[in-house]
Amino acid sequence: MSGRESRLSRKRRNFTPEYREEAVKLVIEISRPVAQVARERGLAESTLGNWVDAWRREHAGEEPRLTANY
């Protein structure tokens, strides 16, 4: 079996909207790195990154601004 066939034969995981939202909030609201949250939750970093990007597009302007404390 080739690498491509093994990837295609893997069962696709489905996540509830609530699970996705919870993971995204860890990144958005608590400012945790995507890589760290993905690792802790057993997700591919790219998957969580896609969820975060989609949330940001859907909620443009709602994110609090980052401030620098000097």
PDB file of N, CA and C in Angstrom:
ATOM      1  N   MET A   1       0.850  -1.177   0.000  1.00  0.00           N
ATOM      2  CA  MET A   1       0.000   0.000   0.000  1.00  0.00           C
ATOM      3  C   MET A   1       0.897   1.242   0.000  1.00  0.00           C
ATOM      4  N   SER A   2       0.602   2.174  -0.849  1.00  0.00           N
ATOM      5  CA  SER A   2       1.399   3.398  -0.927  1.00  0.00           C
ATOM      6  C   SER A   2       1.009   4.343   0.205  1.00  0.00           C
ATOM      7  N   GLY A   3       1.824   5.377   0.414  1.00  0.00           N
ATOM      8  CA  GLY A   3       1.531   6.369   1.448  1.00  0.00           C
ATOM      9  C   GLY A   3       0.202   7.046   1.222  1.00  0.00           C
ATOM     10  N   ARG A   4      -0.089   7.297  -0.054  1.00  0.00           N
ATOM     11  CA  ARG A   4      -1.361   7.960  -0.371  1.00  0.00           C
ATOM     12  C   ARG A   4      -2.537   7.060  -0.016  1.00  0.00           C
ATOM     13  N   GLU A   5      -2.435   5.780  -0.349  1.00  0.00           N
ATOM     14  CA  GLU A   5      -3.531   4.866  -0.032  1.00  0.00           C
ATOM     15  C   GLU A   5      -3.757   4.760   1.464  1.00  0.00           C
ATOM     16  N   SER A   6      -2.675   4.738   2.244  1.00  0.00           N
ATOM     17  CA  SER A   6      -2.848   4.635   3.691  1.00  0.00           C
ATOM     18  C   SER A   6      -3.508   5.885   4.253  1.00  0.00           C
ATOM     19  N   ARG A   7      -3.177   7.070   3.697  1.00  0.00           N
ATOM     20  CA  ARG A   7      -3.828   8.298   4.160  1.00  0.00           C
ATOM     21  C   ARG A   7      -5.307   8.283   3.812  1.00  0.00           C
ATOM     22  N   LEU A   8      -5.635   7.796   2.641  1.00  0.00           N
ATOM     23  CA  LEU A   8      -7.029   7.786   2.221  1.00  0.00           C
ATOM     24  C   LEU A   8      -7.845   6.765   2.996  1.00  0.00           C
ATOM     25  N   SER A   9      -7.206   5.711   3.467  1.00  0.00           N
ATOM     26  CA  SER A   9      -7.950   4.662   4.144  1.00  0.00           C
ATOM     27  C   SER A   9      -8.157   4.962   5.625  1.00  0.00           C
ATOM     28  N   ARG A  10      -7.469   5.967   6.158  1.00  0.00           N
ATOM     29  CA  ARG A  10      -7.668   6.335   7.561  1.00  0.00           C
ATOM     30  C   ARG A  10      -9.072   6.885   7.750  1.00  0.00           C
ATOM     31  N   LYS A  11      -9.644   6.551   8.892  1.00  0.00           N
ATOM     32  CA  LYS A  11     -10.977   7.059   9.195  1.00  0.00           C
ATOM     33  C   LYS A  11     -10.886   8.541   9.535  1.00  0.00           C
ATOM     34  N   ARG A  12     -11.704   9.329   8.906  1.00  0.00           N
ATOM     35  CA  ARG A  12     -11.736  10.767   9.151  1.00  0.00           C
ATOM     36  C   ARG A  12     -12.426  11.027  10.482  1.00  0.00           C
ATOM     37  N   ARG A  13     -11.803  11.861  11.305  1.00  0.00           N
ATOM     38  CA  ARG A  13     -12.373  12.194  12.603  1.00  0.00           C
ATOM     39  C   ARG A  13     -13.334  13.366  12.445  1.00  0.00           C
ATOM     40  N   ASN A  14     -14.454  13.272  13.124  1.00  0.00           N
ATOM     41  CA  ASN A  14     -15.428  14.362  13.119  1.00  0.00           C
ATOM     42  C   ASN A  14     -15.455  14.990  14.503  1.00  0.00           C
ATOM     43  N   PHE A  15     -15.490  16.302  14.526  1.00  0.00           N
ATOM     44  CA  PHE A  15     -15.497  17.034  15.785  1.00  0.00           C
ATOM     45  C   PHE A  15     -16.767  17.866  15.857  1.00  0.00           C
ATOM     46  N   THR A  16     -17.342  17.923  17.034  1.00  0.00           N
ATOM     47  CA  THR A  16     -18.557  18.716  17.208  1.00  0.00           C
ATOM     48  C   THR A  16     -18.206  20.195  17.133  1.00  0.00           C
ATOM     49  N   PRO A  17     -19.174  21.017  16.788  1.00  0.00           N
ATOM     50  CA  PRO A  17     -18.928  22.460  16.778  1.00  0.00           C
ATOM     51  C   PRO A  17     -18.464  22.965  18.150  1.00  0.00           C
ATOM     52  N   GLU A  18     -18.982  22.369  19.219  1.00  0.00           N
ATOM     53  CA  GLU A  18     -18.594  22.775  20.568  1.00  0.00           C
ATOM     54  C   GLU A  18     -17.113  22.467  20.830  1.00  0.00           C
ATOM     55  N   TYR A  19     -16.650  21.315  20.373  1.00  0.00           N
ATOM     56  CA  TYR A  19     -15.249  20.932  20.548  1.00  0.00           C
ATOM     57  C   TYR A  19     -14.347  21.899  19.795  1.00  0.00           C
ATOM     58  N   ARG A  20     -14.727  22.200  18.560  1.00  0.00           N
ATOM     59  CA  ARG A  20     -13.945  23.142  17.760  1.00  0.00           C
ATOM     60  C   ARG A  20     -13.881  24.509  18.422  1.00  0.00           C
ATOM     61  N   GLU A  21     -15.036  24.979  18.881  1.00  0.00           N
ATOM     62  CA  GLU A  21     -15.103  26.298  19.508  1.00  0.00           C
ATOM     63  C   GLU A  21     -14.239  26.353  20.767  1.00  0.00           C
ATOM     64  N   GLU A  22     -14.277  25.305  21.554  1.00  0.00           N
ATOM     65  CA  GLU A  22     -13.475  25.261  22.773  1.00  0.00           C
ATOM     66  C   GLU A  22     -11.977  25.337  22.445  1.00  0.00           C
ATOM     67  N   ALA A  23     -11.549  24.597  21.445  1.00  0.00           N
ATOM     68  CA  ALA A  23     -10.135  24.610  21.049  1.00  0.00           C
ATOM     69  C   ALA A  23      -9.740  25.981  20.504  1.00  0.00           C
ATOM     70  N   VAL A  24     -10.592  26.568  19.687  1.00  0.00           N
ATOM     71  CA  VAL A  24     -10.310  27.885  19.113  1.00  0.00           C
ATOM     72  C   VAL A  24     -10.228  28.933  20.217  1.00  0.00           C
ATOM     73  N   LYS A  25     -11.114  28.872  21.196  1.00  0.00           N
ATOM     74  CA  LYS A  25     -11.107  29.855  22.281  1.00  0.00           C
ATOM     75  C   LYS A  25      -9.818  29.800  23.088  1.00  0.00           C
ATOM     76  N   LEU A  26      -9.227  28.618  23.216  1.00  0.00           N
ATOM     77  CA  LEU A  26      -7.949  28.525  23.915  1.00  0.00           C
ATOM     78  C   LEU A  26      -6.883  29.335  23.191  1.00  0.00           C
ATOM     79  N   VAL A  27      -6.971  29.361  21.873  1.00  0.00           N
ATOM     80  CA  VAL A  27      -6.004  30.118  21.073  1.00  0.00           C
ATOM     81  C   VAL A  27      -6.350  31.606  21.084  1.00  0.00           C
ATOM     82  N   ILE A  28      -7.604  31.930  20.859  1.00  0.00           N
ATOM     83  CA  ILE A  28      -8.037  33.321  20.704  1.00  0.00           C
ATOM     84  C   ILE A  28      -8.094  34.054  22.042  1.00  0.00           C
ATOM     85  N   GLU A  29      -8.814  33.504  22.997  1.00  0.00           N
ATOM     86  CA  GLU A  29      -9.080  34.223  24.242  1.00  0.00           C
ATOM     87  C   GLU A  29      -7.950  34.122  25.258  1.00  0.00           C
ATOM     88  N   ILE A  30      -7.235  33.009  25.248  1.00  0.00           N
ATOM     89  CA  ILE A  30      -6.184  32.815  26.244  1.00  0.00           C
ATOM     90  C   ILE A  30      -4.811  33.021  25.623  1.00  0.00           C
ATOM     91  N   SER A  31      -4.785  33.277  24.324  1.00  0.00           N
ATOM     92  CA  SER A  31      -3.543  33.556  23.591  1.00  0.00           C
ATOM     93  C   SER A  31      -2.520  32.431  23.707  1.00  0.00           C
ATOM     94  N   ARG A  32      -3.003  31.203  23.599  1.00  0.00           N
ATOM     95  CA  ARG A  32      -2.088  30.064  23.616  1.00  0.00           C
ATOM     96  C   ARG A  32      -1.691  29.740  22.185  1.00  0.00           C
ATOM     97  N   PRO A  33      -0.489  29.247  21.980  1.00  0.00           N
ATOM     98  CA  PRO A  33      -0.039  28.915  20.617  1.00  0.00           C
ATOM     99  C   PRO A  33      -0.851  27.773  20.010  1.00  0.00           C
ATOM    100  N   VAL A  34      -1.140  27.909  18.723  1.00  0.00           N
ATOM    101  CA  VAL A  34      -1.884  26.877  18.005  1.00  0.00           C
ATOM    102  C   VAL A  34      -1.183  25.531  18.165  1.00  0.00           C
ATOM    103  N   ALA A  35       0.134  25.509  18.008  1.00  0.00           N
ATOM    104  CA  ALA A  35       0.887  24.253  18.083  1.00  0.00           C
ATOM    105  C   ALA A  35       0.692  23.568  19.442  1.00  0.00           C
ATOM    106  N   GLN A  36       0.712  24.336  20.508  1.00  0.00           N
ATOM    107  CA  GLN A  36       0.575  23.780  21.853  1.00  0.00           C
ATOM    108  C   GLN A  36      -0.818  23.201  22.069  1.00  0.00           C
ATOM    109  N   VAL A  37      -1.839  23.957  21.706  1.00  0.00           N
ATOM    110  CA  VAL A  37      -3.219  23.492  21.880  1.00  0.00           C
ATOM    111  C   VAL A  37      -3.465  22.257  21.020  1.00  0.00           C
ATOM    112  N   ALA A  38      -2.984  22.279  19.792  1.00  0.00           N
ATOM    113  CA  ALA A  38      -3.164  21.128  18.899  1.00  0.00           C
ATOM    114  C   ALA A  38      -2.513  19.886  19.490  1.00  0.00           C
ATOM    115  N   ARG A  39      -1.310  20.023  19.989  1.00  0.00           N
ATOM    116  CA  ARG A  39      -0.593  18.891  20.579  1.00  0.00           C
ATOM    117  C   ARG A  39      -1.364  18.331  21.775  1.00  0.00           C
ATOM    118  N   GLU A  40      -1.828  19.204  22.648  1.00  0.00           N
ATOM    119  CA  GLU A  40      -2.564  18.779  23.843  1.00  0.00           C
ATOM    120  C   GLU A  40      -3.865  18.064  23.497  1.00  0.00           C
ATOM    121  N   ARG A  41      -4.479  18.458  22.401  1.00  0.00           N
ATOM    122  CA  ARG A  41      -5.776  17.893  22.022  1.00  0.00           C
ATOM    123  C   ARG A  41      -5.676  16.772  20.989  1.00  0.00           C
ATOM    124  N   GLY A  42      -4.451  16.453  20.584  1.00  0.00           N
ATOM    125  CA  GLY A  42      -4.264  15.373  19.618  1.00  0.00           C
ATOM    126  C   GLY A  42      -4.741  15.744  18.224  1.00  0.00           C
ATOM    127  N   LEU A  43      -4.631  17.029  17.883  1.00  0.00           N
ATOM    128  CA  LEU A  43      -5.058  17.526  16.577  1.00  0.00           C
ATOM    129  C   LEU A  43      -3.835  17.830  15.721  1.00  0.00           C
ATOM    130  N   ALA A  44      -4.039  17.806  14.429  1.00  0.00           N
ATOM    131  CA  ALA A  44      -3.004  18.307  13.531  1.00  0.00           C
ATOM    132  C   ALA A  44      -2.978  19.824  13.688  1.00  0.00           C
ATOM    133  N   GLU A  45      -1.777  20.382  13.736  1.00  0.00           N
ATOM    134  CA  GLU A  45      -1.645  21.829  13.879  1.00  0.00           C
ATOM    135  C   GLU A  45      -2.367  22.557  12.755  1.00  0.00           C
ATOM    136  N   SER A  46      -2.305  22.007  11.549  1.00  0.00           N
ATOM    137  CA  SER A  46      -2.969  22.652  10.412  1.00  0.00           C
ATOM    138  C   SER A  46      -4.489  22.641  10.567  1.00  0.00           C
ATOM    139  N   THR A  47      -5.027  21.597  11.164  1.00  0.00           N
ATOM    140  CA  THR A  47      -6.478  21.522  11.379  1.00  0.00           C
ATOM    141  C   THR A  47      -6.929  22.629  12.318  1.00  0.00           C
ATOM    142  N   LEU A  48      -6.255  22.733  13.459  1.00  0.00           N
ATOM    143  CA  LEU A  48      -6.620  23.780  14.412  1.00  0.00           C
ATOM    144  C   LEU A  48      -6.370  25.155  13.813  1.00  0.00           C
ATOM    145  N   GLY A  49      -5.283  25.302  13.074  1.00  0.00           N
ATOM    146  CA  GLY A  49      -5.006  26.578  12.418  1.00  0.00           C
ATOM    147  C   GLY A  49      -6.120  26.976  11.466  1.00  0.00           C
ATOM    148  N   ASN A  50      -6.654  26.003  10.743  1.00  0.00           N
ATOM    149  CA  ASN A  50      -7.781  26.273   9.837  1.00  0.00           C
ATOM    150  C   ASN A  50      -9.011  26.720  10.615  1.00  0.00           C
ATOM    151  N   TRP A  51      -9.274  26.071  11.745  1.00  0.00           N
ATOM    152  CA  TRP A  51     -10.424  26.455  12.568  1.00  0.00           C
ATOM    153  C   TRP A  51     -10.258  27.880  13.088  1.00  0.00           C
ATOM    154  N   VAL A  52      -9.057  28.211  13.531  1.00  0.00           N
ATOM    155  CA  VAL A  52      -8.787  29.561  14.059  1.00  0.00           C
ATOM    156  C   VAL A  52      -8.940  30.595  12.950  1.00  0.00           C
ATOM    157  N   ASP A  53      -8.391  30.302  11.773  1.00  0.00           N
ATOM    158  CA  ASP A  53      -8.526  31.228  10.636  1.00  0.00           C
ATOM    159  C   ASP A  53      -9.991  31.455  10.283  1.00  0.00           C
ATOM    160  N   ALA A  54     -10.776  30.378  10.260  1.00  0.00           N
ATOM    161  CA  ALA A  54     -12.202  30.499   9.935  1.00  0.00           C
ATOM    162  C   ALA A  54     -12.917  31.343  10.990  1.00  0.00           C
ATOM    163  N   TRP A  55     -12.589  31.118  12.268  1.00  0.00           N
ATOM    164  CA  TRP A  55     -13.210  31.900  13.341  1.00  0.00           C
ATOM    165  C   TRP A  55     -12.880  33.375  13.168  1.00  0.00           C
ATOM    166  N   ARG A  56     -11.619  33.656  12.862  1.00  0.00           N
ATOM    167  CA  ARG A  56     -11.206  35.059  12.703  1.00  0.00           C
ATOM    168  C   ARG A  56     -11.924  35.717  11.533  1.00  0.00           C
ATOM    169  N   ARG A  57     -12.126  34.996  10.445  1.00  0.00           N
ATOM    170  CA  ARG A  57     -12.865  35.559   9.305  1.00  0.00           C
ATOM    171  C   ARG A  57     -14.317  35.831   9.693  1.00  0.00           C
ATOM    172  N   GLU A  58     -14.922  34.890  10.423  1.00  0.00           N
ATOM    173  CA  GLU A  58     -16.327  35.023  10.807  1.00  0.00           C
ATOM    174  C   GLU A  58     -16.548  36.087  11.878  1.00  0.00           C
ATOM    175  N   HIS A  59     -15.541  36.370  12.674  1.00  0.00           N
ATOM    176  CA  HIS A  59     -15.672  37.301  13.794  1.00  0.00           C
ATOM    177  C   HIS A  59     -14.729  38.495  13.646  1.00  0.00           C
ATOM    178  N   ALA A  60     -14.494  38.889  12.432  1.00  0.00           N
ATOM    179  CA  ALA A  60     -13.581  40.015  12.179  1.00  0.00           C
ATOM    180  C   ALA A  60     -14.032  41.225  12.987  1.00  0.00           C
ATOM    181  N   GLY A  61     -13.089  41.842  13.667  1.00  0.00           N
ATOM    182  CA  GLY A  61     -13.396  43.024  14.454  1.00  0.00           C
ATOM    183  C   GLY A  61     -13.820  42.739  15.879  1.00  0.00           C
ATOM    184  N   GLU A  62     -14.059  41.475  16.214  1.00  0.00           N
ATOM    185  CA  GLU A  62     -14.502  41.140  17.566  1.00  0.00           C
ATOM    186  C   GLU A  62     -13.342  40.816  18.501  1.00  0.00           C
ATOM    187  N   GLU A  63     -12.186  40.480  17.936  1.00  0.00           N
ATOM    188  CA  GLU A  63     -11.050  40.110  18.770  1.00  0.00           C
ATOM    189  C   GLU A  63     -10.509  41.326  19.498  1.00  0.00           C
ATOM    190  N   PRO A  64     -10.163  41.152  20.768  1.00  0.00           N
ATOM    191  CA  PRO A  64      -9.547  42.280  21.469  1.00  0.00           C
ATOM    192  C   PRO A  64      -8.191  42.594  20.877  1.00  0.00           C
ATOM    193  N   ARG A  65      -7.844  43.867  20.853  1.00  0.00           N
ATOM    194  CA  ARG A  65      -6.546  44.275  20.323  1.00  0.00           C
ATOM    195  C   ARG A  65      -5.444  43.860  21.271  1.00  0.00           C
ATOM    196  N   LEU A  66      -4.327  43.490  20.685  1.00  0.00           N
ATOM    197  CA  LEU A  66      -3.157  43.175  21.502  1.00  0.00           C
ATOM    198  C   LEU A  66      -2.510  44.469  21.923  1.00  0.00           C
ATOM    199  N   THR A  67      -2.070  44.519  23.163  1.00  0.00           N
ATOM    200  CA  THR A  67      -1.393  45.712  23.648  1.00  0.00           C
ATOM    201  C   THR A  67      -0.014  45.332  24.152  1.00  0.00           C
ATOM    202  N   ALA A  68       0.907  46.235  24.008  1.00  0.00           N
ATOM    203  CA  ALA A  68       2.260  46.008  24.502  1.00  0.00           C
ATOM    204  C   ALA A  68       2.395  46.710  25.843  1.00  0.00           C
ATOM    205  N   ASN A  69       2.846  45.980  26.810  1.00  0.00           N
ATOM    206  CA  ASN A  69       3.071  46.557  28.146  1.00  0.00           C
ATOM    207  C   ASN A  69       4.560  46.799  28.302  1.00  0.00           C
ATOM    208  N   TYR A  70       4.940  48.060  28.332  1.00  0.00           N
ATOM    209  CA  TYR A  70       6.351  48.406  28.481  1.00  0.00           C
ATOM    210  C   TYR A  70       6.645  48.815  29.887  1.00  0.00           C
TER     211      TYR A  70
END
